[in-house]
């Protein structure tokens, strides 16, 4: 099964979660800034404040290859140049993916922000419904650095806030995000779960869970938890404060 915008089974961590119950499709586009017809568009509003530009997972896995980055850039340019046309194709892809899963008795899951942080809840197709309302039987989930996204009342969209200590003001949002019912993903230079004894699985007073077993964040315990992730790609050498020491 091929899709113009979505990738299925290409993310190693997602594959761990893909099985008889769930299958995840992910939309990857150029993060942070992309040039379209001489104008610059930002797909990650908090990237500069969180200082995660250089350590972005955009370079992890297949993302290090130039042909993959070019394909992601083209998708981003299409999105900003013709948002409604892009949404029309996205709806076609999600519908095709949903039908594929339905025939096999699998729960379809979709991550729209594989390498971006776009407020999809605000994008209305033809001025009417957003993507979550169009597909109420599809489980959507993402990571976000925008602590005030208004998605609590969207039953099929789950968000996990992404922590960074590169900027003290941004780091202060940790408590706010957790108080609002989200979990917080924290990238560690070493594998937290393997290095720290289980009885000490706490970070800044919050209980820690393993985020590298699968990518199905909507199955994590409810808010108030730290989701430990192991640094990948350029993040392994990050010294900005985005990646934490165990």
Protein backbone atom coordinates (compact mmCIF):
# COMPACT_ATOMS: atom_id res chain seq x y z
CA UNK A 1 0.00 0.00 0.00
CA UNK A 2 1.49 3.35 -1.07
CA UNK A 3 0.53 6.87 -0.02
CA UNK A 4 1.55 10.29 -1.35
CA UNK A 5 1.91 11.88 2.07
CA UNK A 6 1.96 9.18 4.75
CA UNK A 7 4.66 6.68 5.57
CA UNK A 8 3.76 3.31 7.11
CA UNK A 9 6.23 0.96 8.80
CA UNK A 10 9.26 3.19 8.13
CA UNK A 11 9.85 4.30 11.74
CA UNK A 12 11.73 1.72 13.81
CA UNK A 13 10.12 2.72 17.09
CA UNK A 14 6.64 2.71 15.58
CA UNK A 15 7.19 -0.75 14.14
CA UNK A 16 7.64 -2.05 17.68
CA UNK A 17 4.09 -0.95 18.36
CA UNK A 18 2.69 -2.18 15.07
CA UNK A 19 1.18 -5.63 15.34
CA UNK A 20 -2.16 -7.34 15.55
CA UNK A 21 -3.75 -4.37 17.33
CA UNK A 22 -2.29 -1.11 15.99
CA UNK A 23 -0.65 0.23 12.85
CA UNK A 24 0.76 3.76 12.61
CA UNK A 25 1.07 6.03 9.58
CA UNK A 26 3.27 9.12 9.90
CA UNK A 27 3.46 12.39 7.99
CA UNK A 28 7.03 13.71 7.77
CA UNK A 29 7.80 17.21 6.51
CA UNK A 30 10.66 19.68 6.84
CA UNK A 31 10.70 21.04 10.42
CA UNK A 32 11.31 24.56 11.65
CA UNK A 33 11.66 26.66 8.47
CA UNK A 34 11.04 25.98 4.78
CA UNK A 35 11.23 28.38 1.83
CA UNK A 36 8.18 28.62 -0.41
CA UNK A 37 8.15 31.08 -3.31
CA UNK A 38 10.68 33.30 -1.57
CA UNK A 39 8.89 33.28 1.79
CA UNK A 40 9.97 31.46 4.94
CA UNK A 41 7.46 29.32 6.86
CA UNK A 42 8.01 27.87 10.32
CA UNK A 43 6.60 24.40 11.04
CA UNK A 44 7.92 24.27 14.62
CA UNK A 45 6.91 27.44 16.45
CA UNK A 46 8.85 26.66 19.65
CA UNK A 47 11.97 25.14 18.08
CA UNK A 48 14.15 28.21 18.62
CA UNK A 49 12.99 28.76 22.19
CA UNK A 50 13.46 25.09 23.05
CA UNK A 51 16.86 25.08 21.28
CA UNK A 52 16.16 21.76 19.61
CA UNK A 53 16.91 22.78 16.01
CA UNK A 54 20.35 21.16 15.82
CA UNK A 55 19.31 18.09 17.82
CA UNK A 56 16.06 17.57 15.93
CA UNK A 57 15.12 13.95 15.24
CA UNK A 58 14.70 15.02 11.62
CA UNK A 59 18.22 13.64 11.08
CA UNK A 60 17.57 10.29 12.78
CA UNK A 61 17.17 7.04 10.84
CA UNK A 62 16.29 7.51 7.16
CA UNK A 63 16.06 11.26 7.76
CA UNK A 64 19.85 11.57 7.31
CA UNK A 65 19.56 10.78 3.58
CA UNK A 66 19.29 13.73 1.18
CA UNK A 67 16.57 12.12 -0.97
CA UNK A 68 14.38 11.64 2.10
CA UNK A 69 14.91 15.25 3.18
CA UNK A 70 14.06 16.45 -0.33
CA UNK A 71 10.80 14.51 -0.31
CA UNK A 72 9.88 15.98 3.08
CA UNK A 73 10.69 19.47 1.84
CA UNK A 74 8.39 19.04 -1.15
CA UNK A 75 5.53 18.01 1.12
CA UNK A 76 6.09 21.06 3.32
CA UNK A 77 6.16 23.35 0.29
CA UNK A 78 2.91 21.85 -0.97
CA UNK A 79 1.33 22.35 2.46
CA UNK A 80 2.18 26.06 2.58
CA UNK A 81 1.56 26.74 -1.11
CA UNK A 82 -1.84 24.99 -1.36
CA UNK A 83 -3.14 24.06 2.08
CA UNK A 84 -6.59 22.97 0.90
CA UNK A 85 -5.17 20.84 -1.91
CA UNK A 86 -2.74 19.30 0.56
CA UNK A 87 -5.57 18.55 3.00
CA UNK A 88 -7.59 16.93 0.23
CA UNK A 89 -4.73 14.52 -0.48
CA UNK A 90 -4.18 13.91 3.23
CA UNK A 91 -7.83 12.94 3.61
CA UNK A 92 -7.48 10.52 0.68
CA UNK A 93 -4.39 8.95 2.29
CA UNK A 94 -5.92 8.64 5.76
CA UNK A 95 -9.10 7.15 4.32
CA UNK A 96 -7.10 4.61 2.30
CA UNK A 97 -5.01 3.74 5.37
CA UNK A 98 -8.11 3.43 7.56
CA UNK A 99 -9.76 1.05 5.10
CA UNK A 100 -6.56 -1.02 4.88
CA UNK A 101 -6.54 -1.41 8.68
CA UNK A 102 -10.27 -2.05 8.93
CA UNK A 103 -10.05 -5.00 6.55
CA UNK A 104 -7.39 -6.54 8.78
CA UNK A 105 -9.04 -5.82 12.10
CA UNK A 106 -6.30 -3.35 13.12
CA UNK A 107 -6.72 0.03 14.85
CA UNK A 108 -5.43 2.76 12.49
CA UNK A 109 -3.19 5.35 14.16
CA UNK A 110 -1.81 8.50 12.55
CA UNK A 111 0.93 10.95 13.55
CA UNK A 112 0.61 14.15 11.54
CA UNK A 113 3.63 15.82 13.17
CA UNK A 114 6.36 13.26 12.59
CA UNK A 115 8.95 16.04 12.33
CA UNK A 116 6.82 19.20 12.68
CA UNK A 117 4.62 20.90 15.29
CA UNK A 118 1.63 22.17 13.32
CA UNK A 119 -1.66 22.99 15.05
CA UNK A 120 -3.79 20.65 12.93
CA UNK A 121 -6.77 21.26 15.19
CA UNK A 122 -7.03 24.76 13.71
CA UNK A 123 -6.98 23.69 10.06
CA UNK A 124 -10.48 23.29 8.62
CA UNK A 125 -10.96 21.48 5.33
CA UNK A 126 -13.18 23.63 3.11
CA UNK A 127 -13.90 25.78 6.14
CA UNK A 128 -15.79 23.00 7.92
CA UNK A 129 -14.21 20.11 9.85
CA UNK A 130 -10.64 19.45 10.95
CA UNK A 131 -8.95 16.12 10.22
CA UNK A 132 -9.86 14.68 13.63
CA UNK A 133 -13.56 15.36 13.10
CA UNK A 134 -13.44 13.86 9.61
CA UNK A 135 -11.98 10.60 10.96
CA UNK A 136 -13.43 10.03 14.47
CA UNK A 137 -12.54 6.31 14.30
CA UNK A 138 -8.82 6.95 13.71
CA UNK A 139 -6.49 7.45 16.69
CA UNK A 140 -4.26 10.48 16.11
CA UNK A 141 -1.29 11.28 18.37
CA UNK A 142 1.76 13.55 18.36
CA UNK A 143 4.55 15.15 20.35
CA UNK A 144 4.36 18.93 20.79
CA UNK A 145 6.40 21.76 22.28
CA UNK A 146 3.40 24.08 22.35
CA UNK A 147 2.12 23.84 25.91
CA UNK A 148 -1.16 25.65 25.32
CA UNK A 149 -2.59 23.67 22.42
CA UNK A 150 -6.36 23.34 22.88
CA UNK A 151 -6.85 19.63 22.25
CA UNK A 152 -8.22 18.29 25.54
CA UNK A 153 -11.71 18.00 24.09
CA UNK A 154 -10.60 16.12 20.96
CA UNK A 155 -11.22 12.48 21.97
CA UNK A 156 -9.13 10.90 19.20
CA UNK A 157 -6.06 13.16 19.45
CA UNK A 158 -3.40 12.56 22.11
CA UNK A 159 -0.50 14.93 22.74
CA UNK A 160 2.74 14.44 24.67
CA UNK A 161 4.68 17.58 25.55
CA UNK A 162 8.38 17.62 24.64
CA UNK A 163 10.84 18.93 27.26
CA UNK A 164 14.05 20.91 26.77
CA UNK A 165 16.30 22.56 29.35
CA UNK A 166 18.22 24.63 26.80
CA UNK A 167 16.10 27.65 27.71
CA UNK A 168 15.15 28.10 31.40
CA UNK A 169 11.92 29.87 30.47
CA UNK A 170 10.86 26.99 28.26
CA UNK A 171 11.88 24.41 30.88
CA UNK A 172 9.53 26.09 33.35
CA UNK A 173 6.61 24.95 31.21
CA UNK A 174 7.17 21.36 32.42
CA UNK A 175 4.96 21.69 35.48
CA UNK A 176 2.32 23.56 33.49
CA UNK A 177 2.18 20.88 30.80
CA UNK A 178 1.88 18.07 33.35
CA UNK A 179 -0.72 19.97 35.34
CA UNK A 180 -2.79 20.26 32.17
CA UNK A 181 -2.94 16.49 31.92
CA UNK A 182 -0.12 15.80 29.47
CA UNK A 183 2.90 13.57 29.92
CA UNK A 184 6.32 15.01 29.08
CA UNK A 185 8.82 13.37 26.73
CA UNK A 186 12.43 13.87 27.88
CA UNK A 187 15.41 12.91 25.72
CA UNK A 188 18.33 11.39 27.67
CA UNK A 189 21.86 10.84 26.40
CA UNK A 190 21.90 7.38 27.98
CA UNK A 191 19.09 4.87 28.16
CA UNK A 192 17.41 5.99 31.39
CA UNK A 193 15.49 2.75 31.89
CA UNK A 194 18.61 0.58 31.59
CA UNK A 195 20.96 2.83 33.55
CA UNK A 196 18.73 3.77 36.49
CA UNK A 197 17.46 1.03 38.84
CA UNK A 198 13.71 0.54 38.57
CA UNK A 199 13.08 1.62 42.15
CA UNK A 200 14.59 5.03 41.26
CA UNK A 201 12.57 5.60 38.10
CA UNK A 202 11.75 9.21 38.90
CA UNK A 203 12.96 12.45 37.34
CA UNK A 204 12.38 15.84 38.99
CA UNK A 205 9.92 14.09 41.26
CA UNK A 206 7.79 12.63 38.46
CA UNK A 207 7.49 8.89 37.68
CA UNK A 208 9.38 7.78 34.56
CA UNK A 209 8.15 5.36 31.89
CA UNK A 210 10.00 3.88 28.91
CA UNK A 211 9.15 5.68 25.68
CA UNK A 212 11.39 3.57 23.45
CA UNK A 213 9.43 0.32 23.68
CA UNK A 214 6.91 1.64 21.17
CA UNK A 215 5.58 4.93 19.85
CA UNK A 216 1.98 4.51 20.98
CA UNK A 217 1.92 7.41 23.42
CA UNK A 218 -1.86 7.33 23.76
CA UNK A 219 -1.47 4.01 25.61
CA UNK A 220 0.81 5.57 28.26
CA UNK A 221 -0.52 6.14 31.79
CA UNK A 222 -2.49 9.37 32.08
CA UNK A 223 -0.75 12.73 32.59
CA UNK A 224 1.94 13.45 35.14
CA UNK A 225 4.59 11.05 33.81
CA UNK A 226 8.00 11.52 32.21
CA UNK A 227 8.39 9.56 28.97
CA UNK A 228 12.10 8.69 28.74
CA UNK A 229 13.53 8.66 25.20
CA UNK A 230 17.07 7.71 24.16
CA UNK A 231 18.95 10.31 22.06
CA UNK A 232 19.16 9.50 18.34
CA UNK A 233 20.78 11.05 15.27
CA UNK A 234 22.56 14.37 15.92
CA UNK A 235 20.91 14.51 19.35
CA UNK A 236 23.55 12.07 20.63
CA UNK A 237 26.10 14.89 20.54
CA UNK A 238 23.80 17.70 21.63
CA UNK A 239 25.13 20.01 24.35
CA UNK A 240 22.44 22.71 24.23
CA UNK A 241 20.39 21.36 27.12
CA UNK A 242 17.80 19.63 24.93
CA UNK A 243 19.31 16.25 25.78
CA UNK A 244 19.47 15.42 29.50
CA UNK A 245 22.10 13.47 31.38
CA UNK A 246 20.91 10.50 33.43
